[in-house]
């Protein structure tokens, strides 16, 4: 199965209200860590793993992202944009990438997740023989995100968004970076609203796995940060 991945889809539409006044004029992925926007760290890491074509999904203060990255040439990549008009969940936003992706495999990353760049080529390689790859970290608080359940081959068998205390849990936290084949779009198209009233990407991944497709979990090495609030941002900039 072909796994030479050239395309990446980056989600950068949200305001990030937990950042309070820091995102008044900026989308959260444009906040700076060590002198560069978070999004630039992600793009450079993927570029160095040989990805060349990027789609950034923008929304809140979209012009800031477009003005900064332009056509991508100053970073040595090709850049396109799509705009999320309605904030109705991570499932529908990924659907905006369908035309850009076509039938090719791609990496998907949230625009506020920082990882050691050595992980990007490994995530791409892990797609060999799988329909999807979900990155995970151990010992994060799964009630803040997704709990990933795996079998003895470290393949995803279930994925639960923000499990409640009485629900089953797992030590594996959904770390927010994925590799997919285009089959994911068939499952995204069938999504229904979750109890939160949103179309969740995680439901599409879960349904992909429950339909008998191999979804490989991949444990990230080194540092991982969800730049979710001013405290984490300050920590990263120390």
C-alpha atoms as a PDB file:
ATOM      1  CA  UNK A   1       0.000   0.000   0.000  1.00  0.00           C
ATOM      2  CA  UNK A   2       1.371   3.392  -1.002  1.00  0.00           C
ATOM      3  CA  UNK A   3       2.373   5.612   1.929  1.00  0.00           C
ATOM      4  CA  UNK A   4       4.401   8.359   0.312  1.00  0.00           C
ATOM      5  CA  UNK A   5       2.486  11.226   1.857  1.00  0.00           C
ATOM      6  CA  UNK A   6       2.816  14.666   0.263  1.00  0.00           C
ATOM      7  CA  UNK A   7      -0.315  16.360   1.615  1.00  0.00           C
ATOM      8  CA  UNK A   8      -1.181  17.799   5.006  1.00  0.00           C
ATOM      9  CA  UNK A   9      -4.378  19.369   6.317  1.00  0.00           C
ATOM     10  CA  UNK A  10      -4.020  21.754   9.269  1.00  0.00           C
ATOM     11  CA  UNK A  11      -6.978  22.911  11.346  1.00  0.00           C
ATOM     12  CA  UNK A  12      -6.553  26.571  12.284  1.00  0.00           C
ATOM     13  CA  UNK A  13     -10.094  27.958  12.291  1.00  0.00           C
ATOM     14  CA  UNK A  14     -10.781  28.282  16.000  1.00  0.00           C
ATOM     15  CA  UNK A  15     -10.416  31.337  18.171  1.00  0.00           C
ATOM     16  CA  UNK A  16      -9.302  29.493  21.297  1.00  0.00           C
ATOM     17  CA  UNK A  17     -11.450  31.311  23.862  1.00  0.00           C
ATOM     18  CA  UNK A  18      -9.418  29.882  26.761  1.00  0.00           C
ATOM     19  CA  UNK A  19      -6.561  32.118  25.595  1.00  0.00           C
ATOM     20  CA  UNK A  20      -8.774  35.074  26.546  1.00  0.00           C
ATOM     21  CA  UNK A  21      -7.465  38.431  25.241  1.00  0.00           C
ATOM     22  CA  UNK A  22      -4.434  36.773  23.562  1.00  0.00           C
ATOM     23  CA  UNK A  23      -6.674  35.657  20.694  1.00  0.00           C
ATOM     24  CA  UNK A  24      -8.645  38.867  20.356  1.00  0.00           C
ATOM     25  CA  UNK A  25      -6.817  39.701  17.114  1.00  0.00           C
ATOM     26  CA  UNK A  26      -5.210  36.334  16.323  1.00  0.00           C
ATOM     27  CA  UNK A  27      -6.272  32.742  15.705  1.00  0.00           C
ATOM     28  CA  UNK A  28      -4.801  30.537  18.444  1.00  0.00           C
ATOM     29  CA  UNK A  29      -2.384  28.666  16.076  1.00  0.00           C
ATOM     30  CA  UNK A  30      -0.707  32.028  15.315  1.00  0.00           C
ATOM     31  CA  UNK A  31       0.366  32.571  18.931  1.00  0.00           C
ATOM     32  CA  UNK A  32       4.142  32.500  19.204  1.00  0.00           C
ATOM     33  CA  UNK A  33       6.222  29.809  20.840  1.00  0.00           C
ATOM     34  CA  UNK A  34       9.970  30.500  20.905  1.00  0.00           C
ATOM     35  CA  UNK A  35       9.638  33.314  18.387  1.00  0.00           C
ATOM     36  CA  UNK A  36       7.474  31.533  15.777  1.00  0.00           C
ATOM     37  CA  UNK A  37       3.752  30.886  15.410  1.00  0.00           C
ATOM     38  CA  UNK A  38       2.733  27.396  16.614  1.00  0.00           C
ATOM     39  CA  UNK A  39       1.482  26.733  13.077  1.00  0.00           C
ATOM     40  CA  UNK A  40       4.906  27.485  11.593  1.00  0.00           C
ATOM     41  CA  UNK A  41       6.543  24.891  13.877  1.00  0.00           C
ATOM     42  CA  UNK A  42       4.034  22.315  12.597  1.00  0.00           C
ATOM     43  CA  UNK A  43       4.488  23.215   8.918  1.00  0.00           C
ATOM     44  CA  UNK A  44       8.283  23.105   9.165  1.00  0.00           C
ATOM     45  CA  UNK A  45       8.195  19.730  10.931  1.00  0.00           C
ATOM     46  CA  UNK A  46       5.961  18.255   8.226  1.00  0.00           C
ATOM     47  CA  UNK A  47       7.974  19.865   5.432  1.00  0.00           C
ATOM     48  CA  UNK A  48      11.147  18.284   6.840  1.00  0.00           C
ATOM     49  CA  UNK A  49       9.310  14.930   6.682  1.00  0.00           C
ATOM     50  CA  UNK A  50       8.932  15.542   2.903  1.00  0.00           C
ATOM     51  CA  UNK A  51       5.357  16.851   2.852  1.00  0.00           C
ATOM     52  CA  UNK A  52       4.985  19.507   0.177  1.00  0.00           C
ATOM     53  CA  UNK A  53       1.283  20.445  -0.191  1.00  0.00           C
ATOM     54  CA  UNK A  54      -0.653  22.044   2.628  1.00  0.00           C
ATOM     55  CA  UNK A  55      -4.277  23.001   3.131  1.00  0.00           C
ATOM     56  CA  UNK A  56      -4.887  25.292   6.100  1.00  0.00           C
ATOM     57  CA  UNK A  57      -8.488  25.472   7.235  1.00  0.00           C
ATOM     58  CA  UNK A  58      -9.026  28.984   8.536  1.00  0.00           C
ATOM     59  CA  UNK A  59     -11.888  30.814  10.258  1.00  0.00           C
ATOM     60  CA  UNK A  60     -11.306  33.286  13.083  1.00  0.00           C
ATOM     61  CA  UNK A  61      -9.093  36.130  11.752  1.00  0.00           C
ATOM     62  CA  UNK A  62      -8.329  34.063   8.638  1.00  0.00           C
ATOM     63  CA  UNK A  63      -6.471  36.993   7.081  1.00  0.00           C
ATOM     64  CA  UNK A  64      -3.718  36.754   9.721  1.00  0.00           C
ATOM     65  CA  UNK A  65      -2.883  33.210   8.609  1.00  0.00           C
ATOM     66  CA  UNK A  66      -3.144  33.965   4.884  1.00  0.00           C
ATOM     67  CA  UNK A  67      -1.032  37.125   5.139  1.00  0.00           C
ATOM     68  CA  UNK A  68       1.674  35.356   7.114  1.00  0.00           C
ATOM     69  CA  UNK A  69       2.049  32.169   5.054  1.00  0.00           C
ATOM     70  CA  UNK A  70       0.841  33.344   1.634  1.00  0.00           C
ATOM     71  CA  UNK A  71       1.364  30.663  -1.011  1.00  0.00           C
ATOM     72  CA  UNK A  72       3.873  28.842   1.227  1.00  0.00           C
ATOM     73  CA  UNK A  73       6.879  29.588  -0.974  1.00  0.00           C
ATOM     74  CA  UNK A  74       8.867  31.317   1.757  1.00  0.00           C
ATOM     75  CA  UNK A  75       8.782  28.020   3.697  1.00  0.00           C
ATOM     76  CA  UNK A  76       9.420  25.946   0.586  1.00  0.00           C
ATOM     77  CA  UNK A  77       5.919  24.412   0.376  1.00  0.00           C
ATOM     78  CA  UNK A  78       2.665  24.916  -1.553  1.00  0.00           C
ATOM     79  CA  UNK A  79      -0.172  26.382   0.499  1.00  0.00           C
ATOM     80  CA  UNK A  80      -3.922  26.474  -0.073  1.00  0.00           C
ATOM     81  CA  UNK A  81      -6.739  27.646   2.209  1.00  0.00           C
ATOM     82  CA  UNK A  82     -10.321  26.719   2.955  1.00  0.00           C
ATOM     83  CA  UNK A  83     -12.659  28.623   5.279  1.00  0.00           C
ATOM     84  CA  UNK A  84     -14.829  27.056   7.963  1.00  0.00           C
ATOM     85  CA  UNK A  85     -17.993  29.154   7.977  1.00  0.00           C
ATOM     86  CA  UNK A  86     -19.885  27.293  10.715  1.00  0.00           C
ATOM     87  CA  UNK A  87     -18.202  25.946  13.852  1.00  0.00           C
ATOM     88  CA  UNK A  88     -20.051  22.607  13.962  1.00  0.00           C
ATOM     89  CA  UNK A  89     -17.309  20.200  14.936  1.00  0.00           C
ATOM     90  CA  UNK A  90     -14.098  18.555  13.790  1.00  0.00           C
ATOM     91  CA  UNK A  91     -15.891  16.114  11.483  1.00  0.00           C
ATOM     92  CA  UNK A  92     -17.428  18.685   9.166  1.00  0.00           C
ATOM     93  CA  UNK A  93     -14.297  20.820   9.087  1.00  0.00           C
ATOM     94  CA  UNK A  94     -12.229  17.912   7.716  1.00  0.00           C
ATOM     95  CA  UNK A  95     -14.836  17.458   4.979  1.00  0.00           C
ATOM     96  CA  UNK A  96     -13.598  20.801   3.587  1.00  0.00           C
ATOM     97  CA  UNK A  97     -10.367  19.014   2.608  1.00  0.00           C
ATOM     98  CA  UNK A  98     -11.989  16.363   0.421  1.00  0.00           C
ATOM     99  CA  UNK A  99     -11.266  18.047  -2.905  1.00  0.00           C
ATOM    100  CA  UNK A 100      -7.707  19.000  -1.892  1.00  0.00           C
ATOM    101  CA  UNK A 101      -6.890  15.439  -0.818  1.00  0.00           C
ATOM    102  CA  UNK A 102      -8.533  13.619  -3.751  1.00  0.00           C
ATOM    103  CA  UNK A 103      -7.599   9.940  -3.494  1.00  0.00           C
ATOM    104  CA  UNK A 104      -4.230  10.497  -1.790  1.00  0.00           C
ATOM    105  CA  UNK A 105      -3.182   9.745   1.797  1.00  0.00           C
ATOM    106  CA  UNK A 106      -2.655  12.763   4.059  1.00  0.00           C
ATOM    107  CA  UNK A 107      -1.591  13.916   7.501  1.00  0.00           C
ATOM    108  CA  UNK A 108      -4.074  15.871   9.604  1.00  0.00           C
ATOM    109  CA  UNK A 109      -2.982  18.001  12.544  1.00  0.00           C
ATOM    110  CA  UNK A 110      -4.709  20.404  14.853  1.00  0.00           C
ATOM    111  CA  UNK A 111      -3.048  23.790  14.554  1.00  0.00           C
ATOM    112  CA  UNK A 112      -2.302  24.043  18.285  1.00  0.00           C
ATOM    113  CA  UNK A 113      -0.476  20.736  18.902  1.00  0.00           C
ATOM    114  CA  UNK A 114       3.315  20.758  19.160  1.00  0.00           C
ATOM    115  CA  UNK A 115       5.312  17.515  19.000  1.00  0.00           C
ATOM    116  CA  UNK A 116       8.927  16.476  18.517  1.00  0.00           C
ATOM    117  CA  UNK A 117       9.384  16.738  14.722  1.00  0.00           C
ATOM    118  CA  UNK A 118      11.029  13.282  14.627  1.00  0.00           C
ATOM    119  CA  UNK A 119       7.494  11.866  15.008  1.00  0.00           C
ATOM    120  CA  UNK A 120       6.146  13.137  11.680  1.00  0.00           C
ATOM    121  CA  UNK A 121       7.978  10.675   9.373  1.00  0.00           C
ATOM    122  CA  UNK A 122       7.078   7.825  11.762  1.00  0.00           C
ATOM    123  CA  UNK A 123       3.367   8.719  11.610  1.00  0.00           C
ATOM    124  CA  UNK A 124       3.567   8.678   7.796  1.00  0.00           C
ATOM    125  CA  UNK A 125       5.370   5.319   7.814  1.00  0.00           C
ATOM    126  CA  UNK A 126       2.805   3.828  10.211  1.00  0.00           C
ATOM    127  CA  UNK A 127       0.101   4.249   7.540  1.00  0.00           C
ATOM    128  CA  UNK A 128       1.658   1.353   5.564  1.00  0.00           C
ATOM    129  CA  UNK A 129      -0.876  -1.472   5.741  1.00  0.00           C
ATOM    130  CA  UNK A 130      -3.407   0.628   7.713  1.00  0.00           C
ATOM    131  CA  UNK A 131      -6.397   2.786   6.782  1.00  0.00           C
ATOM    132  CA  UNK A 132      -5.585   5.377   9.443  1.00  0.00           C
ATOM    133  CA  UNK A 133      -3.068   6.271  12.153  1.00  0.00           C
ATOM    134  CA  UNK A 134      -4.004   7.944  15.444  1.00  0.00           C
ATOM    135  CA  UNK A 135      -1.199   9.412  17.544  1.00  0.00           C
ATOM    136  CA  UNK A 136      -1.421   8.808  21.304  1.00  0.00           C
ATOM    137  CA  UNK A 137       0.293   9.885  24.508  1.00  0.00           C
ATOM    138  CA  UNK A 138       0.262   7.972  27.774  1.00  0.00           C
ATOM    139  CA  UNK A 139      -0.895   9.392  31.092  1.00  0.00           C
ATOM    140  CA  UNK A 140      -2.616  12.546  29.880  1.00  0.00           C
ATOM    141  CA  UNK A 141      -6.018  13.344  31.378  1.00  0.00           C
ATOM    142  CA  UNK A 142      -8.382  11.540  28.964  1.00  0.00           C
ATOM    143  CA  UNK A 143     -11.399  13.428  30.339  1.00  0.00           C
ATOM    144  CA  UNK A 144      -9.948  16.498  28.549  1.00  0.00           C
ATOM    145  CA  UNK A 145      -9.909  14.780  25.148  1.00  0.00           C
ATOM    146  CA  UNK A 146     -10.238  11.291  23.708  1.00  0.00           C
ATOM    147  CA  UNK A 147      -9.513   7.928  25.337  1.00  0.00           C
ATOM    148  CA  UNK A 148      -8.036   5.500  22.802  1.00  0.00           C
ATOM    149  CA  UNK A 149      -8.591   1.768  23.378  1.00  0.00           C
ATOM    150  CA  UNK A 150      -6.133  -0.611  21.695  1.00  0.00           C
ATOM    151  CA  UNK A 151      -5.657  -4.358  21.186  1.00  0.00           C
ATOM    152  CA  UNK A 152      -2.453  -6.410  21.599  1.00  0.00           C
ATOM    153  CA  UNK A 153      -1.211  -5.172  18.174  1.00  0.00           C
ATOM    154  CA  UNK A 154      -1.645  -1.559  19.315  1.00  0.00           C
ATOM    155  CA  UNK A 155      -4.518  -1.110  16.865  1.00  0.00           C
ATOM    156  CA  UNK A 156      -7.410   1.149  17.793  1.00  0.00           C
ATOM    157  CA  UNK A 157     -10.560  -0.787  18.709  1.00  0.00           C
ATOM    158  CA  UNK A 158     -12.508   2.080  20.291  1.00  0.00           C
ATOM    159  CA  UNK A 159     -12.265   5.816  20.822  1.00  0.00           C
ATOM    160  CA  UNK A 160     -14.324   7.747  23.360  1.00  0.00           C
ATOM    161  CA  UNK A 161     -14.488  11.521  23.491  1.00  0.00           C
ATOM    162  CA  UNK A 162     -14.133  13.014  27.001  1.00  0.00           C
ATOM    163  CA  UNK A 163     -15.267   9.891  28.917  1.00  0.00           C
ATOM    164  CA  UNK A 164     -17.247  10.532  32.088  1.00  0.00           C
ATOM    165  CA  UNK A 165     -15.991   9.099  35.429  1.00  0.00           C
ATOM    166  CA  UNK A 166     -18.398   6.115  35.249  1.00  0.00           C
ATOM    167  CA  UNK A 167     -17.399   5.204  31.665  1.00  0.00           C
ATOM    168  CA  UNK A 168     -14.576   2.818  30.662  1.00  0.00           C
ATOM    169  CA  UNK A 169     -11.203   4.498  30.400  1.00  0.00           C
ATOM    170  CA  UNK A 170      -7.770   3.903  28.885  1.00  0.00           C
ATOM    171  CA  UNK A 171      -4.224   5.144  29.609  1.00  0.00           C
ATOM    172  CA  UNK A 172      -3.920   6.278  25.979  1.00  0.00           C
ATOM    173  CA  UNK A 173      -4.850   9.867  25.130  1.00  0.00           C
ATOM    174  CA  UNK A 174      -5.716  10.952  21.579  1.00  0.00           C
ATOM    175  CA  UNK A 175      -2.814  13.304  20.777  1.00  0.00           C
ATOM    176  CA  UNK A 176      -4.460  15.127  17.846  1.00  0.00           C
ATOM    177  CA  UNK A 177      -2.264  14.180  14.869  1.00  0.00           C
ATOM    178  CA  UNK A 178      -3.415  11.629  12.322  1.00  0.00           C
ATOM    179  CA  UNK A 179      -2.619  10.032   8.984  1.00  0.00           C
ATOM    180  CA  UNK A 180      -5.532   8.931   6.803  1.00  0.00           C
ATOM    181  CA  UNK A 181      -6.347   7.387   3.486  1.00  0.00           C
ATOM    182  CA  UNK A 182      -9.180   9.015   1.572  1.00  0.00           C
ATOM    183  CA  UNK A 183     -11.614   6.348   2.882  1.00  0.00           C
ATOM    184  CA  UNK A 184     -12.071   8.502   6.003  1.00  0.00           C
ATOM    185  CA  UNK A 185     -14.268  10.878   3.973  1.00  0.00           C
ATOM    186  CA  UNK A 186     -16.903   8.149   3.475  1.00  0.00           C
ATOM    187  CA  UNK A 187     -17.237   7.860   7.251  1.00  0.00           C
ATOM    188  CA  UNK A 188     -17.212  11.647   7.737  1.00  0.00           C
ATOM    189  CA  UNK A 189     -20.077  11.952   5.219  1.00  0.00           C
ATOM    190  CA  UNK A 190     -22.258   9.653   7.370  1.00  0.00           C
ATOM    191  CA  UNK A 191     -21.651  11.478  10.672  1.00  0.00           C
ATOM    192  CA  UNK A 192     -24.537  12.467  12.895  1.00  0.00           C
ATOM    193  CA  UNK A 193     -24.372  15.060  15.649  1.00  0.00           C
ATOM    194  CA  UNK A 194     -22.855  13.886  18.925  1.00  0.00           C
ATOM    195  CA  UNK A 195     -24.463  14.534  22.339  1.00  0.00           C
ATOM    196  CA  UNK A 196     -22.470  17.819  22.305  1.00  0.00           C
ATOM    197  CA  UNK A 197     -24.375  18.793  19.144  1.00  0.00           C
ATOM    198  CA  UNK A 198     -21.251  18.568  16.954  1.00  0.00           C
ATOM    199  CA  UNK A 199     -20.003  16.366  14.128  1.00  0.00           C
ATOM    200  CA  UNK A 200     -16.972  14.657  15.695  1.00  0.00           C
ATOM    201  CA  UNK A 201     -13.995  13.419  13.677  1.00  0.00           C
ATOM    202  CA  UNK A 202     -13.414  10.853  16.428  1.00  0.00           C
ATOM    203  CA  UNK A 203     -16.811   9.248  15.661  1.00  0.00           C
ATOM    204  CA  UNK A 204     -15.743   8.806  12.033  1.00  0.00           C
ATOM    205  CA  UNK A 205     -12.447   7.183  13.124  1.00  0.00           C
ATOM    206  CA  UNK A 206     -14.294   4.916  15.561  1.00  0.00           C
ATOM    207  CA  UNK A 207     -16.745   3.839  12.835  1.00  0.00           C
ATOM    208  CA  UNK A 208     -13.849   3.215  10.434  1.00  0.00           C
ATOM    209  CA  UNK A 209     -12.288   0.845  12.997  1.00  0.00           C
ATOM    210  CA  UNK A 210     -15.593  -0.822  13.941  1.00  0.00           C
ATOM    211  CA  UNK A 211     -16.177  -1.568  10.230  1.00  0.00           C
ATOM    212  CA  UNK A 212     -13.098  -3.805  10.354  1.00  0.00           C
ATOM    213  CA  UNK A 213     -10.467  -1.407   8.988  1.00  0.00           C
ATOM    214  CA  UNK A 214      -7.023  -1.326  10.572  1.00  0.00           C
ATOM    215  CA  UNK A 215      -6.496   1.898  12.528  1.00  0.00           C
ATOM    216  CA  UNK A 216      -2.978   1.930  13.918  1.00  0.00           C
ATOM    217  CA  UNK A 217      -2.221   3.726  17.190  1.00  0.00           C
ATOM    218  CA  UNK A 218       1.192   5.392  17.312  1.00  0.00           C
ATOM    219  CA  UNK A 219       2.824   6.498  20.562  1.00  0.00           C
ATOM    220  CA  UNK A 220       4.555   9.855  20.164  1.00  0.00           C
ATOM    221  CA  UNK A 221       8.145  10.125  21.383  1.00  0.00           C
ATOM    222  CA  UNK A 222       9.462  13.134  23.283  1.00  0.00           C
ATOM    223  CA  UNK A 223       7.576  16.288  24.105  1.00  0.00           C
ATOM    224  CA  UNK A 224       3.926  16.888  23.293  1.00  0.00           C
ATOM    225  CA  UNK A 225       1.974  20.061  24.044  1.00  0.00           C
ATOM    226  CA  UNK A 226      -1.614  21.068  23.472  1.00  0.00           C
ATOM    227  CA  UNK A 227      -1.267  24.859  23.505  1.00  0.00           C
ATOM    228  CA  UNK A 228      -4.708  25.225  25.060  1.00  0.00           C
ATOM    229  CA  UNK A 229      -4.347  28.033  27.605  1.00  0.00           C
ATOM    230  CA  UNK A 230      -2.103  30.969  28.608  1.00  0.00           C
ATOM    231  CA  UNK A 231      -0.361  28.877  31.299  1.00  0.00           C
ATOM    232  CA  UNK A 232       0.855  26.257  28.803  1.00  0.00           C
ATOM    233  CA  UNK A 233       1.881  28.986  26.355  1.00  0.00           C
ATOM    234  CA  UNK A 234       3.934  30.710  29.087  1.00  0.00           C
ATOM    235  CA  UNK A 235       5.550  27.392  30.064  1.00  0.00           C
ATOM    236  CA  UNK A 236       6.606  26.696  26.469  1.00  0.00           C
ATOM    237  CA  UNK A 237       8.128  30.156  26.167  1.00  0.00           C
ATOM    238  CA  UNK A 238      10.204  29.948  29.345  1.00  0.00           C
END
